[in-house]
Amino acid sequence: MSYSTAIPMVDLRAHFQPLREEILAGLGKILDQAGFILGEHGRALEQDVAQLCGVAHGVGCASGTDALLLALRALGIGPGDEVIVPTFTFIATAEAVLYVGAKPVFVDVDPQNYVLTASLVEAAITDRTKAIIPVHLYGLPADMPAIMSLAQQYHLKVIEDCAQAIGASIHGRAVGSFGDIGCFSFFPSKNLGGAGDGGMVVTNDPELEKQLRGLRNHGSWQTYHHDVLGYNSRLDEMQALILRTEFPHLSIFNAGRQRAAAWYAEHLAGLDLQLPHAPEAYQHVYHQYTIQLEGRDAVKAALQAEQIASAIYYPIPGHRQKMFGDQPQGHCPVADNLAERVLSLPMFPELQEAQVARVAEVIRRTLKD
C-alpha cells in the first residue's frame, strides 16, 4: 500500500509533524529535570482544560476510562446502584459502572443524532437509579439542558462522557460544564490526543475535586496515609507536555474537522444515505464523520479496495456485549439498527478536499452499481 495514495482514518504523523521540534525540546527538559509525575505540565493542563470548559477544577488521570471510574467513585456510586448509559457507544462508559459494582442500565439512542434523549432516559429511571452518563458521541453534544432538568427533577447525578467531544458546545456553553462532573480522554486519535493514554475530570465542586485528587493517587490525601481504596491513575508529565503543546491549536484542529465535514456534506449530497446533523446552536467537533446507509458492508469493502480506510463505530451495542450476560440487557432497536448501518469515514484536521472527493466518489459509484 502506498502511503501517498492511501487515505487513513486518522493521520497522526501529519498531525504531530508541525509540533515535533517543540515537543522534543519540552521532553528533553523533562528528562533533564527528572520530574515525571504530578508536575508543572500536568497542573497547567488541568487549568487549561478547566478554563476551556468554564469550570473551576480539572484533575488529570491515566485515561478516559479512569476518568469515568474516578467520577463514579467520587460521587459515591457503588453496589446496588443503577446508572443509565447509552447502549450505542464505546464499552468504557458501561465498563466503568461495573468497576464500581453498580449496574449499567442500557438505554437506546436518538436515531438521527445517536445520543441519549431525556424521554428515553426518563423511561429507564427506577428507585435505584443514582446517575446518568450521557455520551457526546462522535463529537456532538447530547441534549444537556433537557437531561439536566430531568436529573434535577429526579435528584440524579450527571457525569458527562466528553471523550469524543472536547471543544463541543451548546449555545456557547462547553460540554463538561453541564453535569456534576465531565470526563475527557486524550487517547492519541482524539481531537486533543497525546502519544499514549491520558484523561481528565472537570468539576465546579471543590469537594469533588478533593475526592478525585485522592482517589487517583492510591486513596491518599497525605503522603503514606491511605484513607480509602484508590487507584494509580496519574497523568504523567510527558503526556501532559505533549497535550499542552497541542492545546493552543485545539480550535484550529476542530475547525479543520468541521471544514472536512462540510466538504463531505457537499460531495455526498444527493445520495441515499444519512449524513451527520447538528441541531441549531450545537457545536459539533466531528471526532468521527459517521454516515448511515443500506449496503454498508459493500461500501466499506469498496473503500478498502481503493486503499481508503473506514470503520464501524459500533458493530455490537453495549446491551448485546457478552460481558454483561448471555442475553441482551434490554430492548434497544435503534442501536441494533445503527450497528448494521453506520460507517465512519476518514476524519482528521489535515484531511484535504481532494481526499474527501475521492472517498465520496467511491461511495457514489458503489451505491449506483
Protein backbone atom coordinates (compact mmCIF):
# COMPACT_ATOMS: atom_id res chain seq x y z
CA MET A 1 0.00 0.00 0.00
CA SER A 2 1.36 3.43 -0.92
CA TYR A 3 1.21 5.87 1.96
CA SER A 4 0.84 8.74 -0.51
CA THR A 5 -2.33 7.32 -2.11
CA ALA A 6 -3.90 5.59 0.89
CA ILE A 7 -6.34 7.61 2.98
CA PRO A 8 -6.19 6.63 6.68
CA MET A 9 -8.90 7.10 9.29
CA VAL A 10 -6.59 9.49 11.12
CA ASP A 11 -3.14 10.75 10.14
CA LEU A 12 -1.17 11.16 13.36
CA ARG A 13 2.13 11.54 11.53
CA ALA A 14 0.88 14.60 9.68
CA HIS A 15 -0.78 15.86 12.86
CA PHE A 16 2.34 15.84 15.03
CA GLN A 17 4.87 16.88 12.41
CA PRO A 18 4.47 20.69 12.82
CA LEU A 19 4.79 20.34 16.62
CA ARG A 20 7.58 17.78 16.59
CA GLU A 21 10.53 20.02 17.46
CA GLU A 22 8.64 21.89 20.18
CA ILE A 23 7.53 18.61 21.74
CA LEU A 24 11.01 17.07 21.59
CA ALA A 25 12.55 20.15 23.22
CA GLY A 26 9.99 20.01 26.01
CA LEU A 27 10.53 16.30 26.57
CA GLY A 28 14.27 16.93 26.80
CA LYS A 29 13.70 19.44 29.58
CA ILE A 30 11.57 16.95 31.48
CA LEU A 31 14.35 14.39 31.24
CA ASP A 32 16.88 16.95 32.43
CA GLN A 33 14.72 17.96 35.39
CA ALA A 34 13.72 14.35 36.16
CA GLY A 35 10.22 15.28 37.32
CA PHE A 36 7.82 12.80 35.76
CA ILE A 37 4.64 12.56 37.84
CA LEU A 38 2.25 15.26 39.14
CA GLY A 39 4.36 18.17 37.96
CA GLU A 40 4.01 21.60 36.38
CA HIS A 41 2.79 20.42 32.98
CA GLY A 42 0.03 18.33 34.49
CA ARG A 43 -1.11 21.21 36.69
CA ALA A 44 -1.06 23.66 33.80
CA LEU A 45 -3.04 21.29 31.57
CA GLU A 46 -5.64 20.88 34.32
CA GLN A 47 -6.06 24.65 34.38
CA ASP A 48 -6.23 24.86 30.58
CA VAL A 49 -8.94 22.23 30.24
CA ALA A 50 -10.95 23.59 33.17
CA GLN A 51 -10.82 27.07 31.63
CA LEU A 52 -11.89 25.70 28.24
CA CYS A 53 -14.90 24.09 29.91
CA GLY A 54 -15.69 27.15 32.01
CA VAL A 55 -15.39 25.23 35.29
CA ALA A 56 -13.26 25.69 38.37
CA HIS A 57 -11.27 22.46 38.58
CA GLY A 58 -9.52 19.92 36.38
CA VAL A 59 -7.92 16.71 37.62
CA GLY A 60 -5.65 14.75 35.28
CA CYS A 61 -5.69 10.96 35.27
CA ALA A 62 -4.36 8.00 33.31
CA SER A 63 -7.15 7.52 30.76
CA GLY A 64 -10.69 8.41 29.78
CA THR A 65 -11.90 5.15 31.29
CA ASP A 66 -10.23 6.05 34.58
CA ALA A 67 -11.85 9.48 34.41
CA LEU A 68 -15.28 7.80 34.41
CA LEU A 69 -14.26 5.40 37.18
CA LEU A 70 -12.94 8.21 39.37
CA ALA A 71 -16.08 10.27 38.75
CA LEU A 72 -18.35 7.43 39.83
CA ARG A 73 -16.28 6.80 42.95
CA ALA A 74 -16.17 10.50 43.87
CA LEU A 75 -19.97 10.64 43.64
CA GLY A 76 -20.29 7.65 45.96
CA ILE A 77 -21.89 5.33 43.41
CA GLY A 78 -21.45 1.62 44.09
CA PRO A 79 -23.13 -1.76 44.67
CA GLY A 80 -26.93 -1.68 44.49
CA ASP A 81 -26.99 1.50 42.41
CA GLU A 82 -28.11 1.80 38.80
CA VAL A 83 -26.50 4.13 36.28
CA ILE A 84 -28.17 4.96 32.97
CA VAL A 85 -25.83 4.76 29.97
CA PRO A 86 -26.37 4.79 26.20
CA THR A 87 -26.02 1.38 24.62
CA PHE A 88 -24.58 2.84 21.42
CA THR A 89 -21.09 3.96 22.41
CA PHE A 90 -17.67 2.58 23.33
CA ILE A 91 -17.74 -0.03 26.08
CA ALA A 92 -15.73 2.06 28.57
CA THR A 93 -18.82 4.00 29.67
CA ALA A 94 -20.64 0.92 30.95
CA GLU A 95 -17.39 -0.78 31.93
CA ALA A 96 -16.63 1.94 34.46
CA VAL A 97 -20.04 1.40 36.06
CA LEU A 98 -19.23 -2.28 36.53
CA TYR A 99 -15.86 -1.43 38.06
CA VAL A 100 -17.57 0.31 41.00
CA GLY A 101 -20.04 -2.55 41.47
CA ALA A 102 -23.06 -0.68 40.13
CA LYS A 103 -25.41 -1.82 37.36
CA PRO A 104 -25.29 -0.16 33.93
CA VAL A 105 -28.81 0.29 32.57
CA PHE A 106 -28.63 0.42 28.79
CA VAL A 107 -30.85 2.92 27.02
CA ASP A 108 -31.47 3.34 23.32
CA VAL A 109 -30.43 6.48 21.43
CA ASP A 110 -31.88 9.03 19.06
CA PRO A 111 -31.83 7.60 15.50
CA GLN A 112 -30.66 10.87 13.95
CA ASN A 113 -28.01 12.09 16.41
CA TYR A 114 -27.04 8.82 18.16
CA VAL A 115 -27.21 10.28 21.69
CA LEU A 116 -29.42 9.89 24.75
CA THR A 117 -32.61 11.92 24.94
CA ALA A 118 -34.45 12.98 28.08
CA SER A 119 -37.53 10.94 27.20
CA LEU A 120 -35.53 7.75 26.69
CA VAL A 121 -33.68 8.33 29.95
CA GLU A 122 -36.83 9.04 31.95
CA ALA A 123 -38.39 5.75 30.86
CA ALA A 124 -35.42 3.89 32.38
CA ILE A 125 -35.38 5.58 35.80
CA THR A 126 -36.14 3.38 38.82
CA ASP A 127 -35.86 3.87 42.56
CA ARG A 128 -32.29 2.52 42.30
CA THR A 129 -31.13 4.98 39.66
CA LYS A 130 -28.37 7.22 41.00
CA ALA A 131 -26.77 8.75 37.92
CA ILE A 132 -26.91 9.34 34.17
CA ILE A 133 -23.88 9.24 31.88
CA PRO A 134 -24.75 10.96 28.60
CA VAL A 135 -22.12 10.46 25.88
CA HIS A 136 -21.42 13.22 23.38
CA LEU A 137 -20.96 10.68 20.61
CA TYR A 138 -18.78 11.40 17.57
CA GLY A 139 -18.33 14.99 18.80
CA LEU A 140 -21.99 16.02 19.01
CA PRO A 141 -23.36 17.08 22.41
CA ALA A 142 -26.34 15.28 23.86
CA ASP A 143 -29.31 17.46 24.86
CA MET A 144 -27.79 18.52 28.16
CA PRO A 145 -30.33 21.20 29.12
CA ALA A 146 -33.15 18.63 28.96
CA ILE A 147 -31.09 15.91 30.65
CA MET A 148 -30.04 18.25 33.46
CA SER A 149 -33.65 19.30 34.01
CA LEU A 150 -34.63 15.65 34.27
CA ALA A 151 -31.75 14.92 36.65
CA GLN A 152 -32.81 17.77 38.90
CA GLN A 153 -36.40 16.50 38.91
CA TYR A 154 -35.31 13.01 39.98
CA HIS A 155 -32.33 14.07 42.14
CA LEU A 156 -29.80 12.23 39.99
CA LYS A 157 -26.10 12.88 39.43
CA VAL A 158 -24.84 13.51 35.90
CA ILE A 159 -21.43 12.52 34.54
CA GLU A 160 -20.76 13.80 31.03
CA ASP A 161 -18.71 11.47 28.88
CA CYS A 162 -16.87 14.03 26.75
CA ALA A 163 -14.22 11.63 25.46
CA GLN A 164 -15.10 12.35 21.83
CA ALA A 165 -16.17 15.95 22.15
CA ILE A 166 -13.59 18.31 23.67
CA GLY A 167 -14.42 21.79 22.42
CA ALA A 168 -18.05 21.00 21.56
CA SER A 169 -20.74 23.27 22.99
CA ILE A 170 -24.43 24.09 23.23
CA HIS A 171 -25.34 27.75 22.80
CA GLY A 172 -21.69 28.56 23.51
CA ARG A 173 -21.55 26.55 26.75
CA ALA A 174 -18.85 23.88 26.64
CA VAL A 175 -19.52 20.20 27.20
CA GLY A 176 -18.19 19.12 30.56
CA SER A 177 -19.74 22.13 32.29
CA PHE A 178 -23.35 20.92 32.49
CA GLY A 179 -23.11 17.85 34.73
CA ASP A 180 -21.69 17.33 38.18
CA ILE A 181 -18.53 16.02 36.52
CA GLY A 182 -17.18 15.95 32.96
CA CYS A 183 -14.78 13.26 31.73
CA PHE A 184 -12.28 13.54 28.88
CA SER A 185 -9.97 11.15 27.04
CA PHE A 186 -6.63 12.04 25.48
CA PHE A 187 -6.20 8.81 23.54
CA PRO A 188 -4.00 9.59 20.51
CA SER A 189 -6.80 9.71 17.93
CA LYS A 190 -8.99 12.05 19.97
CA ASN A 191 -9.45 15.71 18.96
CA LEU A 192 -6.87 16.52 21.63
CA GLY A 193 -4.74 13.39 21.79
CA GLY A 194 -1.40 12.52 23.32
CA ALA A 195 1.23 9.95 22.45
CA GLY A 196 -0.39 7.40 24.75
CA ASP A 197 -3.29 7.21 27.17
CA GLY A 198 -4.44 10.10 29.33
CA GLY A 199 -7.62 11.59 30.77
CA MET A 200 -9.11 14.48 32.68
CA VAL A 201 -12.01 15.05 35.06
CA VAL A 202 -13.54 18.51 35.44
CA THR A 203 -15.95 19.88 38.03
CA ASN A 204 -17.11 23.04 39.76
CA ASP A 205 -17.44 21.29 43.12
CA PRO A 206 -14.36 21.73 45.36
CA GLU A 207 -15.29 18.70 47.47
CA LEU A 208 -15.48 16.51 44.37
CA GLU A 209 -12.12 17.86 43.23
CA LYS A 210 -10.61 16.89 46.58
CA GLN A 211 -12.06 13.40 46.32
CA LEU A 212 -10.81 12.98 42.75
CA ARG A 213 -7.26 14.01 43.63
CA GLY A 214 -7.03 11.47 46.42
CA LEU A 215 -8.72 8.67 44.51
CA ARG A 216 -6.32 8.98 41.55
CA ASN A 217 -3.36 8.73 43.94
CA HIS A 218 -3.92 5.47 45.85
CA GLY A 219 -6.65 6.97 48.04
CA SER A 220 -4.13 9.30 49.62
CA TRP A 221 -4.50 12.96 50.54
CA GLN A 222 -1.38 12.94 52.70
CA THR A 223 1.81 11.06 51.89
CA TYR A 224 1.67 7.44 53.10
CA HIS A 225 -1.80 7.97 54.59
CA HIS A 226 -4.31 5.92 52.56
CA ASP A 227 -7.85 6.60 53.72
CA VAL A 228 -9.81 4.75 51.04
CA LEU A 229 -9.15 2.26 48.25
CA GLY A 230 -7.81 4.37 45.40
CA TYR A 231 -6.03 3.91 42.10
CA ASN A 232 -2.71 4.55 40.44
CA SER A 233 -4.18 6.88 37.81
CA ARG A 234 -1.98 9.92 37.33
CA LEU A 235 -1.34 11.77 34.09
CA ASP A 236 2.42 11.74 33.61
CA GLU A 237 4.44 14.84 32.72
CA MET A 238 5.48 13.66 29.25
CA GLN A 239 1.89 13.18 28.14
CA ALA A 240 0.88 16.45 29.77
CA LEU A 241 3.69 18.27 27.94
CA ILE A 242 2.55 16.87 24.59
CA LEU A 243 -1.05 17.79 25.29
CA ARG A 244 -0.10 21.29 26.45
CA THR A 245 1.85 21.80 23.23
CA GLU A 246 -1.23 20.85 21.21
CA PHE A 247 -3.77 22.64 23.36
CA PRO A 248 -3.35 26.17 21.90
CA HIS A 249 -4.14 24.67 18.49
CA LEU A 250 -7.29 22.79 19.55
CA SER A 251 -9.68 25.31 18.00
CA ILE A 252 -7.75 25.04 14.73
CA PHE A 253 -7.85 21.24 14.91
CA ASN A 254 -11.62 21.29 15.45
CA ALA A 255 -12.10 23.85 12.68
CA GLY A 256 -10.20 21.54 10.33
CA ARG A 257 -12.57 18.72 11.20
CA GLN A 258 -15.60 20.96 10.67
CA ARG A 259 -14.21 22.05 7.30
CA ALA A 260 -13.76 18.41 6.28
CA ALA A 261 -17.33 17.65 7.42
CA ALA A 262 -18.63 20.47 5.21
CA TRP A 263 -16.73 19.00 2.26
CA TYR A 264 -18.24 15.60 2.93
CA ALA A 265 -21.74 17.10 3.07
CA GLU A 266 -21.14 18.79 -0.28
CA HIS A 267 -19.61 15.80 -2.06
CA LEU A 268 -22.09 13.25 -0.66
CA ALA A 269 -25.18 15.37 -1.35
CA GLY A 270 -27.99 13.63 -3.19
CA LEU A 271 -27.02 10.08 -2.24
CA ASP A 272 -29.33 7.70 -0.42
CA LEU A 273 -27.65 7.94 2.95
CA GLN A 274 -27.97 9.87 6.18
CA LEU A 275 -25.32 12.49 6.93
CA PRO A 276 -24.41 13.85 10.36
CA HIS A 277 -26.55 16.76 11.50
CA ALA A 278 -26.15 19.13 14.44
CA PRO A 279 -29.19 20.88 15.93
CA GLU A 280 -29.19 24.66 15.84
CA ALA A 281 -26.68 26.22 18.27
CA TYR A 282 -24.96 22.85 18.83
CA GLN A 283 -21.25 22.93 18.03
CA HIS A 284 -20.25 19.56 16.54
CA VAL A 285 -16.48 18.86 16.59
CA TYR A 286 -16.57 15.74 14.38
CA HIS A 287 -14.38 13.31 16.22
CA GLN A 288 -15.94 10.96 13.69
CA TYR A 289 -17.79 11.62 10.47
CA THR A 290 -20.38 8.86 10.51
CA ILE A 291 -22.91 8.19 7.78
CA GLN A 292 -25.83 5.79 7.84
CA LEU A 293 -26.82 3.71 4.83
CA GLU A 294 -28.14 0.46 3.43
CA GLY A 295 -25.45 -1.75 1.94
CA ARG A 296 -22.86 -0.52 4.43
CA ASP A 297 -20.61 -3.55 4.13
CA ALA A 298 -20.40 -3.30 0.34
CA VAL A 299 -19.38 0.35 0.58
CA LYS A 300 -16.79 -0.47 3.22
CA ALA A 301 -15.32 -3.19 1.01
CA ALA A 302 -15.21 -0.84 -1.98
CA LEU A 303 -13.38 1.79 0.04
CA GLN A 304 -10.89 -0.78 1.29
CA ALA A 305 -10.22 -1.90 -2.30
CA GLU A 306 -9.27 1.72 -3.09
CA GLN A 307 -6.93 1.93 -0.04
CA ILE A 308 -9.39 4.14 1.84
CA ALA A 309 -9.91 3.39 5.50
CA SER A 310 -13.32 3.29 7.17
CA ALA A 311 -14.60 1.92 10.46
CA ILE A 312 -17.76 0.74 12.17
CA TYR A 313 -18.42 2.53 15.44
CA TYR A 314 -20.04 0.40 16.87
CA PRO A 315 -20.83 -3.07 15.50
CA ILE A 316 -22.13 -4.50 18.79
CA PRO A 317 -24.16 -2.26 21.12
CA GLY A 318 -23.47 -2.47 24.84
CA HIS A 319 -26.68 -4.31 25.68
CA ARG A 320 -25.52 -7.19 23.48
CA GLN A 321 -21.94 -7.48 24.77
CA LYS A 322 -21.25 -10.86 26.39
CA MET A 323 -19.51 -9.30 29.40
CA PHE A 324 -22.94 -8.27 30.66
CA GLY A 325 -24.57 -11.66 30.19
CA ASP A 326 -25.60 -14.20 27.59
CA GLN A 327 -28.93 -12.47 26.95
CA PRO A 328 -29.42 -8.89 25.67
CA GLN A 329 -29.65 -6.41 28.52
CA GLY A 330 -32.73 -4.56 27.34
CA HIS A 331 -34.60 -3.75 24.14
CA CYS A 332 -32.76 -1.16 22.03
CA PRO A 333 -33.98 -1.46 18.43
CA VAL A 334 -32.47 1.82 17.23
CA ALA A 335 -28.99 0.82 18.36
CA ASP A 336 -29.42 -2.63 16.81
CA ASN A 337 -30.33 -0.99 13.52
CA LEU A 338 -27.47 1.50 13.70
CA ALA A 339 -24.98 -1.30 14.27
CA GLU A 340 -25.94 -2.61 10.81
CA ARG A 341 -25.93 0.76 9.05
CA VAL A 342 -23.29 3.17 10.38
CA LEU A 343 -19.95 3.77 8.71
CA SER A 344 -17.31 6.24 9.84
CA LEU A 345 -15.19 7.84 7.12
CA PRO A 346 -11.67 9.27 7.32
CA MET A 347 -11.67 12.32 9.60
CA PHE A 348 -8.75 14.39 10.83
CA PRO A 349 -7.86 18.10 10.77
CA GLU A 350 -5.35 17.73 7.96
CA LEU A 351 -7.79 15.99 5.59
CA GLN A 352 -7.80 17.63 2.15
CA GLU A 353 -10.82 18.26 -0.08
CA ALA A 354 -9.31 16.12 -2.82
CA GLN A 355 -9.21 13.21 -0.39
CA VAL A 356 -12.83 13.81 0.64
CA ALA A 357 -13.85 13.96 -3.01
CA ARG A 358 -12.12 10.64 -3.64
CA VAL A 359 -13.90 9.00 -0.71
CA ALA A 360 -17.23 10.36 -1.93
CA GLU A 361 -16.62 9.22 -5.50
CA VAL A 362 -16.07 5.63 -4.38
CA ILE A 363 -19.24 5.72 -2.26
CA ARG A 364 -21.25 7.28 -5.09
CA ARG A 365 -20.02 4.71 -7.60
CA THR A 366 -20.72 1.79 -5.25
CA LEU A 367 -24.25 2.92 -4.43
CA LYS A 368 -25.09 3.26 -8.12
CA ASP A 369 -23.83 -0.22 -9.03
